[in-house]
Amino acid sequence: MTQLLEYSPWNFENKLDLLQAELHYLNNHHNMAELSYQASIVSARKHRFYHEEALACELYGIYLVENKMIAKGLEQLQNAREKYVKWGAMKKADDVKDFMDLASQTTNYLWKASR
């Protein structure tokens, strides 16, 4: 992927950043993961790749929810949902909404159980 980036940063920059984010996450390098997710989102937005911005926001949101940063994660998931709608991927937007609802319900349940 790095070689492809040399030929066309426009097309491959955000993809490489997203792959690096996922790899950092798998290796528990959380600071680098966050920076890479954010870089992927910025790059996709800059190049107007709405579907890839949506994917980066979705994966970043899932990462945040899984790492107990629920409010920030739901914000990113909402961003993803809006981008999927803009792109016309209504089923995908609905799937993200379902995940958001599940994350919210789980958080509320855990909060009530801890009281």
PDB file of N, CA and C in Angstrom:
ATOM      1  N   MET A   1       0.833  -1.188   0.000  1.00  0.00           N
ATOM      2  CA  MET A   1       0.000   0.000   0.000  1.00  0.00           C
ATOM      3  C   MET A   1       0.873   1.246   0.000  1.00  0.00           C
ATOM      4  N   THR A   2       1.991   1.194   0.686  1.00  0.00           N
ATOM      5  CA  THR A   2       2.892   2.349   0.732  1.00  0.00           C
ATOM      6  C   THR A   2       3.397   2.683  -0.664  1.00  0.00           C
ATOM      7  N   GLN A   3       3.664   1.665  -1.463  1.00  0.00           N
ATOM      8  CA  GLN A   3       4.112   1.912  -2.836  1.00  0.00           C
ATOM      9  C   GLN A   3       3.011   2.571  -3.663  1.00  0.00           C
ATOM     10  N   LEU A   4       1.776   2.170  -3.458  1.00  0.00           N
ATOM     11  CA  LEU A   4       0.667   2.779  -4.178  1.00  0.00           C
ATOM     12  C   LEU A   4       0.509   4.246  -3.791  1.00  0.00           C
ATOM     13  N   LEU A   5       0.783   4.543  -2.544  1.00  0.00           N
ATOM     14  CA  LEU A   5       0.695   5.917  -2.068  1.00  0.00           C
ATOM     15  C   LEU A   5       1.651   6.825  -2.829  1.00  0.00           C
ATOM     16  N   GLU A   6       2.818   6.295  -3.176  1.00  0.00           N
ATOM     17  CA  GLU A   6       3.803   7.078  -3.934  1.00  0.00           C
ATOM     18  C   GLU A   6       3.251   7.483  -5.303  1.00  0.00           C
ATOM     19  N   TYR A   7       2.434   6.622  -5.900  1.00  0.00           N
ATOM     20  CA  TYR A   7       1.901   6.894  -7.236  1.00  0.00           C
ATOM     21  C   TYR A   7       0.662   7.790  -7.202  1.00  0.00           C
ATOM     22  N   SER A   8      -0.131   7.660  -6.141  1.00  0.00           N
ATOM     23  CA  SER A   8      -1.361   8.445  -6.077  1.00  0.00           C
ATOM     24  C   SER A   8      -1.777   8.698  -4.627  1.00  0.00           C
ATOM     25  N   PRO A   9      -1.162   9.677  -3.992  1.00  0.00           N
ATOM     26  CA  PRO A   9      -1.553   9.996  -2.614  1.00  0.00           C
ATOM     27  C   PRO A   9      -3.052  10.317  -2.514  1.00  0.00           C
ATOM     28  N   TRP A  10      -3.586  10.954  -3.536  1.00  0.00           N
ATOM     29  CA  TRP A  10      -4.998  11.325  -3.557  1.00  0.00           C
ATOM     30  C   TRP A  10      -5.884  10.104  -3.289  1.00  0.00           C
ATOM     31  N   ASN A  11      -5.581   8.982  -3.939  1.00  0.00           N
ATOM     32  CA  ASN A  11      -6.422   7.790  -3.837  1.00  0.00           C
ATOM     33  C   ASN A  11      -6.085   6.865  -2.679  1.00  0.00           C
ATOM     34  N   PHE A  12      -4.855   6.884  -2.205  1.00  0.00           N
ATOM     35  CA  PHE A  12      -4.455   5.851  -1.253  1.00  0.00           C
ATOM     36  C   PHE A  12      -4.098   6.340   0.144  1.00  0.00           C
ATOM     37  N   GLU A  13      -3.944   7.643   0.331  1.00  0.00           N
ATOM     38  CA  GLU A  13      -3.529   8.170   1.630  1.00  0.00           C
ATOM     39  C   GLU A  13      -4.490   7.761   2.746  1.00  0.00           C
ATOM     40  N   ASN A  14      -5.790   8.006   2.547  1.00  0.00           N
ATOM     41  CA  ASN A  14      -6.750   7.696   3.609  1.00  0.00           C
ATOM     42  C   ASN A  14      -6.851   6.195   3.867  1.00  0.00           C
ATOM     43  N   LYS A  15      -6.690   5.396   2.828  1.00  0.00           N
ATOM     44  CA  LYS A  15      -6.763   3.942   2.996  1.00  0.00           C
ATOM     45  C   LYS A  15      -5.581   3.429   3.831  1.00  0.00           C
ATOM     46  N   LEU A  16      -4.402   3.944   3.547  1.00  0.00           N
ATOM     47  CA  LEU A  16      -3.223   3.546   4.305  1.00  0.00           C
ATOM     48  C   LEU A  16      -3.353   3.975   5.761  1.00  0.00           C
ATOM     49  N   ASP A  17      -3.817   5.199   5.989  1.00  0.00           N
ATOM     50  CA  ASP A  17      -4.012   5.669   7.358  1.00  0.00           C
ATOM     51  C   ASP A  17      -5.003   4.782   8.114  1.00  0.00           C
ATOM     52  N   LEU A  18      -6.076   4.377   7.441  1.00  0.00           N
ATOM     53  CA  LEU A  18      -7.075   3.539   8.090  1.00  0.00           C
ATOM     54  C   LEU A  18      -6.525   2.150   8.411  1.00  0.00           C
ATOM     55  N   LEU A  19      -5.782   1.579   7.481  1.00  0.00           N
ATOM     56  CA  LEU A  19      -5.162   0.280   7.750  1.00  0.00           C
ATOM     57  C   LEU A  19      -4.162   0.369   8.902  1.00  0.00           C
ATOM     58  N   GLN A  20      -3.408   1.458   8.943  1.00  0.00           N
ATOM     59  CA  GLN A  20      -2.460   1.649  10.036  1.00  0.00           C
ATOM     60  C   GLN A  20      -3.189   1.806  11.369  1.00  0.00           C
ATOM     61  N   ALA A  21      -4.315   2.515  11.359  1.00  0.00           N
ATOM     62  CA  ALA A  21      -5.104   2.681  12.581  1.00  0.00           C
ATOM     63  C   ALA A  21      -5.548   1.322  13.120  1.00  0.00           C
ATOM     64  N   GLU A  22      -6.060   0.490  12.240  1.00  0.00           N
ATOM     65  CA  GLU A  22      -6.520  -0.834  12.667  1.00  0.00           C
ATOM     66  C   GLU A  22      -5.362  -1.687  13.189  1.00  0.00           C
ATOM     67  N   LEU A  23      -4.224  -1.587  12.545  1.00  0.00           N
ATOM     68  CA  LEU A  23      -3.047  -2.332  12.997  1.00  0.00           C
ATOM     69  C   LEU A  23      -2.576  -1.830  14.362  1.00  0.00           C
ATOM     70  N   HIS A  24      -2.542  -0.521  14.537  1.00  0.00           N
ATOM     71  CA  HIS A  24      -2.163   0.047  15.840  1.00  0.00           C
ATOM     72  C   HIS A  24      -3.134  -0.414  16.924  1.00  0.00           C
ATOM     73  N   TYR A  25      -4.410  -0.437  16.597  1.00  0.00           N
ATOM     74  CA  TYR A  25      -5.413  -0.880  17.557  1.00  0.00           C
ATOM     75  C   TYR A  25      -5.162  -2.338  17.950  1.00  0.00           C
ATOM     76  N   LEU A  26      -4.924  -3.178  16.971  1.00  0.00           N
ATOM     77  CA  LEU A  26      -4.655  -4.592  17.260  1.00  0.00           C
ATOM     78  C   LEU A  26      -3.417  -4.785  18.139  1.00  0.00           C
ATOM     79  N   ASN A  27      -2.452  -3.890  17.985  1.00  0.00           N
ATOM     80  CA  ASN A  27      -1.207  -3.989  18.751  1.00  0.00           C
ATOM     81  C   ASN A  27      -1.224  -3.156  20.031  1.00  0.00           C
ATOM     82  N   ASN A  28      -2.412  -2.674  20.413  1.00  0.00           N
ATOM     83  CA  ASN A  28      -2.582  -1.881  21.636  1.00  0.00           C
ATOM     84  C   ASN A  28      -1.753  -0.611  21.668  1.00  0.00           C
ATOM     85  N   HIS A  29      -1.542  -0.012  20.523  1.00  0.00           N
ATOM     86  CA  HIS A  29      -0.880   1.293  20.433  1.00  0.00           C
ATOM     87  C   HIS A  29      -1.984   2.341  20.266  1.00  0.00           C
ATOM     88  N   HIS A  30      -2.658   2.641  21.355  1.00  0.00           N
ATOM     89  CA  HIS A  30      -3.887   3.425  21.285  1.00  0.00           C
ATOM     90  C   HIS A  30      -3.680   4.865  20.825  1.00  0.00           C
ATOM     91  N   ASN A  31      -2.633   5.517  21.257  1.00  0.00           N
ATOM     92  CA  ASN A  31      -2.392   6.893  20.800  1.00  0.00           C
ATOM     93  C   ASN A  31      -2.177   6.931  19.295  1.00  0.00           C
ATOM     94  N   MET A  32      -1.387   6.010  18.794  1.00  0.00           N
ATOM     95  CA  MET A  32      -1.131   5.968  17.347  1.00  0.00           C
ATOM     96  C   MET A  32      -2.398   5.577  16.577  1.00  0.00           C
ATOM     97  N   ALA A  33      -3.198   4.698  17.157  1.00  0.00           N
ATOM     98  CA  ALA A  33      -4.451   4.303  16.510  1.00  0.00           C
ATOM     99  C   ALA A  33      -5.358   5.522  16.343  1.00  0.00           C
ATOM    100  N   GLU A  34      -5.528   6.290  17.414  1.00  0.00           N
ATOM    101  CA  GLU A  34      -6.398   7.471  17.331  1.00  0.00           C
ATOM    102  C   GLU A  34      -5.893   8.461  16.291  1.00  0.00           C
ATOM    103  N   LEU A  35      -4.599   8.713  16.307  1.00  0.00           N
ATOM    104  CA  LEU A  35      -4.034   9.651  15.332  1.00  0.00           C
ATOM    105  C   LEU A  35      -4.243   9.164  13.897  1.00  0.00           C
ATOM    106  N   SER A  36      -4.100   7.871  13.691  1.00  0.00           N
ATOM    107  CA  SER A  36      -4.256   7.317  12.347  1.00  0.00           C
ATOM    108  C   SER A  36      -5.711   7.332  11.893  1.00  0.00           C
ATOM    109  N   TYR A  37      -6.648   7.026  12.803  1.00  0.00           N
ATOM    110  CA  TYR A  37      -8.067   7.137  12.448  1.00  0.00           C
ATOM    111  C   TYR A  37      -8.386   8.575  12.044  1.00  0.00           C
ATOM    112  N   GLN A  38      -7.930   9.507  12.852  1.00  0.00           N
ATOM    113  CA  GLN A  38      -8.203  10.922  12.575  1.00  0.00           C
ATOM    114  C   GLN A  38      -7.576  11.358  11.252  1.00  0.00           C
ATOM    115  N   ALA A  39      -6.367  10.901  10.977  1.00  0.00           N
ATOM    116  CA  ALA A  39      -5.702  11.241   9.710  1.00  0.00           C
ATOM    117  C   ALA A  39      -6.470  10.677   8.520  1.00  0.00           C
ATOM    118  N   SER A  40      -6.998   9.479   8.664  1.00  0.00           N
ATOM    119  CA  SER A  40      -7.775   8.868   7.588  1.00  0.00           C
ATOM    120  C   SER A  40      -9.042   9.675   7.312  1.00  0.00           C
ATOM    121  N   ILE A  41      -9.702  10.100   8.375  1.00  0.00           N
ATOM    122  CA  ILE A  41     -10.924  10.893   8.218  1.00  0.00           C
ATOM    123  C   ILE A  41     -10.616  12.210   7.519  1.00  0.00           C
ATOM    124  N   VAL A  42      -9.572  12.885   7.963  1.00  0.00           N
ATOM    125  CA  VAL A  42      -9.194  14.174   7.374  1.00  0.00           C
ATOM    126  C   VAL A  42      -8.838  14.008   5.896  1.00  0.00           C
ATOM    127  N   SER A  43      -8.068  12.984   5.574  1.00  0.00           N
ATOM    128  CA  SER A  43      -7.660  12.753   4.193  1.00  0.00           C
ATOM    129  C   SER A  43      -8.859  12.448   3.294  1.00  0.00           C
ATOM    130  N   ALA A  44      -9.749  11.582   3.765  1.00  0.00           N
ATOM    131  CA  ALA A  44     -10.936  11.245   2.970  1.00  0.00           C
ATOM    132  C   ALA A  44     -11.810  12.478   2.756  1.00  0.00           C
ATOM    133  N   ARG A  45     -11.954  13.278   3.799  1.00  0.00           N
ATOM    134  CA  ARG A  45     -12.758  14.502   3.678  1.00  0.00           C
ATOM    135  C   ARG A  45     -12.124  15.469   2.687  1.00  0.00           C
ATOM    136  N   LYS A  46     -10.804  15.625   2.796  1.00  0.00           N
ATOM    137  CA  LYS A  46     -10.084  16.549   1.913  1.00  0.00           C
ATOM    138  C   LYS A  46     -10.262  16.172   0.445  1.00  0.00           C
ATOM    139  N   HIS A  47     -10.303  14.877   0.166  1.00  0.00           N
ATOM    140  CA  HIS A  47     -10.419  14.402  -1.209  1.00  0.00           C
ATOM    141  C   HIS A  47     -11.863  14.094  -1.614  1.00  0.00           C
ATOM    142  N   ARG A  48     -12.798  14.405  -0.722  1.00  0.00           N
ATOM    143  CA  ARG A  48     -14.235  14.231  -0.965  1.00  0.00           C
ATOM    144  C   ARG A  48     -14.635  12.786  -1.254  1.00  0.00           C
ATOM    145  N   PHE A  49     -13.991  11.856  -0.552  1.00  0.00           N
ATOM    146  CA  PHE A  49     -14.380  10.448  -0.623  1.00  0.00           C
ATOM    147  C   PHE A  49     -15.345  10.183   0.535  1.00  0.00           C
ATOM    148  N   TYR A  50     -16.621  10.531   0.349  1.00  0.00           N
ATOM    149  CA  TYR A  50     -17.590  10.469   1.440  1.00  0.00           C
ATOM    150  C   TYR A  50     -17.751   9.062   1.996  1.00  0.00           C
ATOM    151  N   HIS A  51     -17.746   8.074   1.114  1.00  0.00           N
ATOM    152  CA  HIS A  51     -17.914   6.698   1.567  1.00  0.00           C
ATOM    153  C   HIS A  51     -16.710   6.249   2.405  1.00  0.00           C
ATOM    154  N   GLU A  52     -15.529   6.688   2.059  1.00  0.00           N
ATOM    155  CA  GLU A  52     -14.344   6.296   2.818  1.00  0.00           C
ATOM    156  C   GLU A  52     -14.234   7.103   4.112  1.00  0.00           C
ATOM    157  N   GLU A  53     -14.713   8.334   4.083  1.00  0.00           N
ATOM    158  CA  GLU A  53     -14.793   9.111   5.325  1.00  0.00           C
ATOM    159  C   GLU A  53     -15.780   8.441   6.272  1.00  0.00           C
ATOM    160  N   ALA A  54     -16.899   7.981   5.728  1.00  0.00           N
ATOM    161  CA  ALA A  54     -17.898   7.284   6.545  1.00  0.00           C
ATOM    162  C   ALA A  54     -17.302   6.027   7.178  1.00  0.00           C
ATOM    163  N   LEU A  55     -16.589   5.244   6.393  1.00  0.00           N
ATOM    164  CA  LEU A  55     -15.978   4.024   6.914  1.00  0.00           C
ATOM    165  C   LEU A  55     -14.965   4.342   8.007  1.00  0.00           C
ATOM    166  N   ALA A  56     -14.136   5.357   7.797  1.00  0.00           N
ATOM    167  CA  ALA A  56     -13.140   5.728   8.803  1.00  0.00           C
ATOM    168  C   ALA A  56     -13.820   6.211  10.083  1.00  0.00           C
ATOM    169  N   CYS A  57     -14.873   7.013   9.941  1.00  0.00           N
ATOM    170  CA  CYS A  57     -15.619   7.470  11.123  1.00  0.00           C
ATOM    171  C   CYS A  57     -16.266   6.290  11.851  1.00  0.00           C
ATOM    172  N   GLU A  58     -16.819   5.360  11.079  1.00  0.00           N
ATOM    173  CA  GLU A  58     -17.454   4.186  11.682  1.00  0.00           C
ATOM    174  C   GLU A  58     -16.446   3.359  12.472  1.00  0.00           C
ATOM    175  N   LEU A  59     -15.322   3.043  11.848  1.00  0.00           N
ATOM    176  CA  LEU A  59     -14.323   2.219  12.540  1.00  0.00           C
ATOM    177  C   LEU A  59     -13.726   2.948  13.739  1.00  0.00           C
ATOM    178  N   TYR A  60     -13.526   4.255  13.614  1.00  0.00           N
ATOM    179  CA  TYR A  60     -13.041   5.049  14.741  1.00  0.00           C
ATOM    180  C   TYR A  60     -14.083   5.053  15.859  1.00  0.00           C
ATOM    181  N   GLY A  61     -15.345   5.202  15.491  1.00  0.00           N
ATOM    182  CA  GLY A  61     -16.413   5.172  16.487  1.00  0.00           C
ATOM    183  C   GLY A  61     -16.479   3.843  17.220  1.00  0.00           C
ATOM    184  N   ILE A  62     -16.364   2.750  16.487  1.00  0.00           N
ATOM    185  CA  ILE A  62     -16.368   1.422  17.111  1.00  0.00           C
ATOM    186  C   ILE A  62     -15.171   1.291  18.048  1.00  0.00           C
ATOM    187  N   TYR A  63     -14.015   1.730  17.588  1.00  0.00           N
ATOM    188  CA  TYR A  63     -12.808   1.715  18.427  1.00  0.00           C
ATOM    189  C   TYR A  63     -13.063   2.463  19.740  1.00  0.00           C
ATOM    190  N   LEU A  64     -13.651   3.648  19.635  1.00  0.00           N
ATOM    191  CA  LEU A  64     -13.894   4.463  20.827  1.00  0.00           C
ATOM    192  C   LEU A  64     -14.885   3.784  21.764  1.00  0.00           C
ATOM    193  N   VAL A  65     -15.962   3.234  21.221  1.00  0.00           N
ATOM    194  CA  VAL A  65     -16.952   2.544  22.049  1.00  0.00           C
ATOM    195  C   VAL A  65     -16.315   1.345  22.740  1.00  0.00           C
ATOM    196  N   GLU A  66     -15.538   0.568  22.003  1.00  0.00           N
ATOM    197  CA  GLU A  66     -14.891  -0.613  22.588  1.00  0.00           C
ATOM    198  C   GLU A  66     -13.883  -0.237  23.668  1.00  0.00           C
ATOM    199  N   ASN A  67     -13.394   0.989  23.624  1.00  0.00           N
ATOM    200  CA  ASN A  67     -12.414   1.439  24.615  1.00  0.00           C
ATOM    201  C   ASN A  67     -13.030   2.406  25.624  1.00  0.00           C
ATOM    202  N   LYS A  68     -14.355   2.273  25.805  1.00  0.00           N
ATOM    203  CA  LYS A  68     -15.109   2.961  26.846  1.00  0.00           C
ATOM    204  C   LYS A  68     -15.121   4.487  26.732  1.00  0.00           C
ATOM    205  N   MET A  69     -14.984   4.980  25.510  1.00  0.00           N
ATOM    206  CA  MET A  69     -15.147   6.412  25.241  1.00  0.00           C
ATOM    207  C   MET A  69     -16.451   6.566  24.462  1.00  0.00           C
ATOM    208  N   ILE A  70     -17.543   6.254  25.155  1.00  0.00           N
ATOM    209  CA  ILE A  70     -18.847   6.074  24.524  1.00  0.00           C
ATOM    210  C   ILE A  70     -19.344   7.348  23.836  1.00  0.00           C
ATOM    211  N   ALA A  71     -19.336   8.471  24.545  1.00  0.00           N
ATOM    212  CA  ALA A  71     -19.887   9.708  23.971  1.00  0.00           C
ATOM    213  C   ALA A  71     -19.131  10.105  22.708  1.00  0.00           C
ATOM    214  N   LYS A  72     -17.827  10.034  22.772  1.00  0.00           N
ATOM    215  CA  LYS A  72     -17.004  10.371  21.605  1.00  0.00           C
ATOM    216  C   LYS A  72     -17.230   9.356  20.480  1.00  0.00           C
ATOM    217  N   GLY A  73     -17.396   8.101  20.849  1.00  0.00           N
ATOM    218  CA  GLY A  73     -17.659   7.062  19.857  1.00  0.00           C
ATOM    219  C   GLY A  73     -18.997   7.255  19.162  1.00  0.00           C
ATOM    220  N   LEU A  74     -20.021   7.592  19.945  1.00  0.00           N
ATOM    221  CA  LEU A  74     -21.340   7.825  19.348  1.00  0.00           C
ATOM    222  C   LEU A  74     -21.318   9.034  18.421  1.00  0.00           C
ATOM    223  N   GLU A  75     -20.523  10.027  18.758  1.00  0.00           N
ATOM    224  CA  GLU A  75     -20.377  11.198  17.885  1.00  0.00           C
ATOM    225  C   GLU A  75     -19.766  10.796  16.541  1.00  0.00           C
ATOM    226  N   GLN A  76     -18.731   9.963  16.579  1.00  0.00           N
ATOM    227  CA  GLN A  76     -18.110   9.514  15.330  1.00  0.00           C
ATOM    228  C   GLN A  76     -19.060   8.619  14.534  1.00  0.00           C
ATOM    229  N   LEU A  77     -19.805   7.790  15.231  1.00  0.00           N
ATOM    230  CA  LEU A  77     -20.773   6.932  14.540  1.00  0.00           C
ATOM    231  C   LEU A  77     -21.872   7.769  13.887  1.00  0.00           C
ATOM    232  N   GLN A  78     -22.281   8.839  14.550  1.00  0.00           N
ATOM    233  CA  GLN A  78     -23.264   9.735  13.943  1.00  0.00           C
ATOM    234  C   GLN A  78     -22.686  10.398  12.693  1.00  0.00           C
ATOM    235  N   ASN A  79     -21.413  10.798  12.768  1.00  0.00           N
ATOM    236  CA  ASN A  79     -20.746  11.353  11.585  1.00  0.00           C
ATOM    237  C   ASN A  79     -20.743  10.340  10.449  1.00  0.00           C
ATOM    238  N   ALA A  80     -20.433   9.093  10.786  1.00  0.00           N
ATOM    239  CA  ALA A  80     -20.419   8.029   9.775  1.00  0.00           C
ATOM    240  C   ALA A  80     -21.799   7.873   9.152  1.00  0.00           C
ATOM    241  N   ARG A  81     -22.801   7.846   9.994  1.00  0.00           N
ATOM    242  CA  ARG A  81     -24.174   7.684   9.521  1.00  0.00           C
ATOM    243  C   ARG A  81     -24.553   8.794   8.539  1.00  0.00           C
ATOM    244  N   GLU A  82     -24.219  10.027   8.890  1.00  0.00           N
ATOM    245  CA  GLU A  82     -24.530  11.162   8.015  1.00  0.00           C
ATOM    246  C   GLU A  82     -23.811  11.044   6.667  1.00  0.00           C
ATOM    247  N   LYS A  83     -22.561  10.594   6.692  1.00  0.00           N
ATOM    248  CA  LYS A  83     -21.812  10.431   5.441  1.00  0.00           C
ATOM    249  C   LYS A  83     -22.392   9.304   4.595  1.00  0.00           C
ATOM    250  N   TYR A  84     -22.799   8.199   5.238  1.00  0.00           N
ATOM    251  CA  TYR A  84     -23.421   7.112   4.481  1.00  0.00           C
ATOM    252  C   TYR A  84     -24.719   7.589   3.824  1.00  0.00           C
ATOM    253  N   VAL A  85     -25.511   8.381   4.547  1.00  0.00           N
ATOM    254  CA  VAL A  85     -26.745   8.921   3.975  1.00  0.00           C
ATOM    255  C   VAL A  85     -26.416   9.828   2.795  1.00  0.00           C
ATOM    256  N   LYS A  86     -25.421  10.685   2.962  1.00  0.00           N
ATOM    257  CA  LYS A  86     -25.016  11.597   1.886  1.00  0.00           C
ATOM    258  C   LYS A  86     -24.602  10.811   0.650  1.00  0.00           C
ATOM    259  N   TRP A  87     -23.958   9.679   0.867  1.00  0.00           N
ATOM    260  CA  TRP A  87     -23.486   8.837  -0.230  1.00  0.00           C
ATOM    261  C   TRP A  87     -24.632   8.012  -0.836  1.00  0.00           C
ATOM    262  N   GLY A  88     -25.736   7.887  -0.080  1.00  0.00           N
ATOM    263  CA  GLY A  88     -26.884   7.125  -0.568  1.00  0.00           C
ATOM    264  C   GLY A  88     -26.944   5.697  -0.062  1.00  0.00           C
ATOM    265  N   ALA A  89     -26.096   5.357   0.903  1.00  0.00           N
ATOM    266  CA  ALA A  89     -26.049   3.994   1.447  1.00  0.00           C
ATOM    267  C   ALA A  89     -26.976   3.902   2.666  1.00  0.00           C
ATOM    268  N   MET A  90     -28.270   3.875   2.397  1.00  0.00           N
ATOM    269  CA  MET A  90     -29.262   3.940   3.471  1.00  0.00           C
ATOM    270  C   MET A  90     -29.234   2.699   4.372  1.00  0.00           C
ATOM    271  N   LYS A  91     -29.055   1.531   3.799  1.00  0.00           N
ATOM    272  CA  LYS A  91     -29.000   0.301   4.610  1.00  0.00           C
ATOM    273  C   LYS A  91     -27.805   0.346   5.561  1.00  0.00           C
ATOM    274  N   LYS A  92     -26.672   0.804   5.062  1.00  0.00           N
ATOM    275  CA  LYS A  92     -25.487   0.913   5.905  1.00  0.00           C
ATOM    276  C   LYS A  92     -25.716   1.944   7.009  1.00  0.00           C
ATOM    277  N   ALA A  93     -26.341   3.058   6.677  1.00  0.00           N
ATOM    278  CA  ALA A  93     -26.664   4.079   7.679  1.00  0.00           C
ATOM    279  C   ALA A  93     -27.575   3.496   8.756  1.00  0.00           C
ATOM    280  N   ASP A  94     -28.539   2.672   8.347  1.00  0.00           N
ATOM    281  CA  ASP A  94     -29.427   2.023   9.319  1.00  0.00           C
ATOM    282  C   ASP A  94     -28.656   1.056  10.211  1.00  0.00           C
ATOM    283  N   ASP A  95     -27.706   0.332   9.646  1.00  0.00           N
ATOM    284  CA  ASP A  95     -26.891  -0.597  10.430  1.00  0.00           C
ATOM    285  C   ASP A  95     -26.056   0.153  11.475  1.00  0.00           C
ATOM    286  N   VAL A  96     -25.506   1.287  11.089  1.00  0.00           N
ATOM    287  CA  VAL A  96     -24.729   2.100  12.035  1.00  0.00           C
ATOM    288  C   VAL A  96     -25.649   2.601  13.146  1.00  0.00           C
ATOM    289  N   LYS A  97     -26.851   3.025  12.784  1.00  0.00           N
ATOM    290  CA  LYS A  97     -27.831   3.485  13.785  1.00  0.00           C
ATOM    291  C   LYS A  97     -28.156   2.365  14.754  1.00  0.00           C
ATOM    292  N   ASP A  98     -28.339   1.154  14.261  1.00  0.00           N
ATOM    293  CA  ASP A  98     -28.608   0.007  15.131  1.00  0.00           C
ATOM    294  C   ASP A  98     -27.460  -0.215  16.114  1.00  0.00           C
ATOM    295  N   PHE A  99     -26.233  -0.098  15.639  1.00  0.00           N
ATOM    296  CA  PHE A  99     -25.074  -0.263  16.522  1.00  0.00           C
ATOM    297  C   PHE A  99     -25.046   0.850  17.566  1.00  0.00           C
ATOM    298  N   MET A 100     -25.363   2.078  17.138  1.00  0.00           N
ATOM    299  CA  MET A 100     -25.401   3.207  18.072  1.00  0.00           C
ATOM    300  C   MET A 100     -26.438   2.952  19.168  1.00  0.00           C
ATOM    301  N   ASP A 101     -27.610   2.471  18.778  1.00  0.00           N
ATOM    302  CA  ASP A 101     -28.662   2.174  19.751  1.00  0.00           C
ATOM    303  C   ASP A 101     -28.214   1.102  20.732  1.00  0.00           C
ATOM    304  N   LEU A 102     -27.574   0.067  20.226  1.00  0.00           N
ATOM    305  CA  LEU A 102     -27.078  -1.013  21.078  1.00  0.00           C
ATOM    306  C   LEU A 102     -26.020  -0.501  22.053  1.00  0.00           C
ATOM    307  N   ALA A 103     -25.098   0.317  21.558  1.00  0.00           N
ATOM    308  CA  ALA A 103     -24.056   0.876  22.424  1.00  0.00           C
ATOM    309  C   ALA A 103     -24.669   1.752  23.509  1.00  0.00           C
ATOM    310  N   SER A 104     -25.662   2.544  23.154  1.00  0.00           N
ATOM    311  CA  SER A 104     -26.333   3.410  24.123  1.00  0.00           C
ATOM    312  C   SER A 104     -27.080   2.585  25.167  1.00  0.00           C
ATOM    313  N   GLN A 105     -27.806   1.574  24.727  1.00  0.00           N
ATOM    314  CA  GLN A 105     -28.562   0.726  25.647  1.00  0.00           C
ATOM    315  C   GLN A 105     -27.641  -0.007  26.607  1.00  0.00           C
ATOM    316  N   THR A 106     -26.544  -0.525  26.092  1.00  0.00           N
ATOM    317  CA  THR A 106     -25.586  -1.241  26.923  1.00  0.00           C
ATOM    318  C   THR A 106     -24.980  -0.308  27.960  1.00  0.00           C
ATOM    319  N   THR A 107     -24.630   0.893  27.529  1.00  0.00           N
ATOM    320  CA  THR A 107     -24.051   1.872  28.446  1.00  0.00           C
ATOM    321  C   THR A 107     -25.051   2.241  29.529  1.00  0.00           C
ATOM    322  N   ASN A 108     -26.302   2.474  29.151  1.00  0.00           N
ATOM    323  CA  ASN A 108     -27.333   2.807  30.139  1.00  0.00           C
ATOM    324  C   ASN A 108     -27.546   1.666  31.115  1.00  0.00           C
ATOM    325  N   TYR A 109     -27.572   0.443  30.610  1.00  0.00           N
ATOM    326  CA  TYR A 109     -27.754  -0.728  31.458  1.00  0.00           C
ATOM    327  C   TYR A 109     -26.604  -0.847  32.460  1.00  0.00           C
ATOM    328  N   LEU A 110     -25.380  -0.707  31.996  1.00  0.00           N
ATOM    329  CA  LEU A 110     -24.223  -0.825  32.869  1.00  0.00           C
ATOM    330  C   LEU A 110     -24.201   0.293  33.911  1.00  0.00           C
ATOM    331  N   TRP A 111     -24.607   1.495  33.492  1.00  0.00           N
ATOM    332  CA  TRP A 111     -24.633   2.614  34.416  1.00  0.00           C
ATOM    333  C   TRP A 111     -25.661   2.368  35.524  1.00  0.00           C
ATOM    334  N   LYS A 112     -26.852   1.887  35.143  1.00  0.00           N
ATOM    335  CA  LYS A 112     -27.892   1.616  36.130  1.00  0.00           C
ATOM    336  C   LYS A 112     -27.479   0.470  37.047  1.00  0.00           C
ATOM    337  N   ALA A 113     -26.815  -0.543  36.517  1.00  0.00           N
ATOM    338  CA  ALA A 113     -26.404  -1.694  37.311  1.00  0.00           C
ATOM    339  C   ALA A 113     -25.330  -1.331  38.332  1.00  0.00           C
ATOM    340  N   SER A 114     -24.563  -0.302  38.039  1.00  0.00           N
ATOM    341  CA  SER A 114     -23.466   0.058  38.951  1.00  0.00           C
ATOM    342  C   SER A 114     -23.942   0.945  40.100  1.00  0.00           C
ATOM    343  N   ARG A 115     -25.183   1.381  40.059  1.00  0.00           N
ATOM    344  CA  ARG A 115     -25.702   2.270  41.106  1.00  0.00           C
ATOM    345  C   ARG A 115     -26.120   1.540  42.306  1.00  0.00           C
TER     346      ARG A 115
END
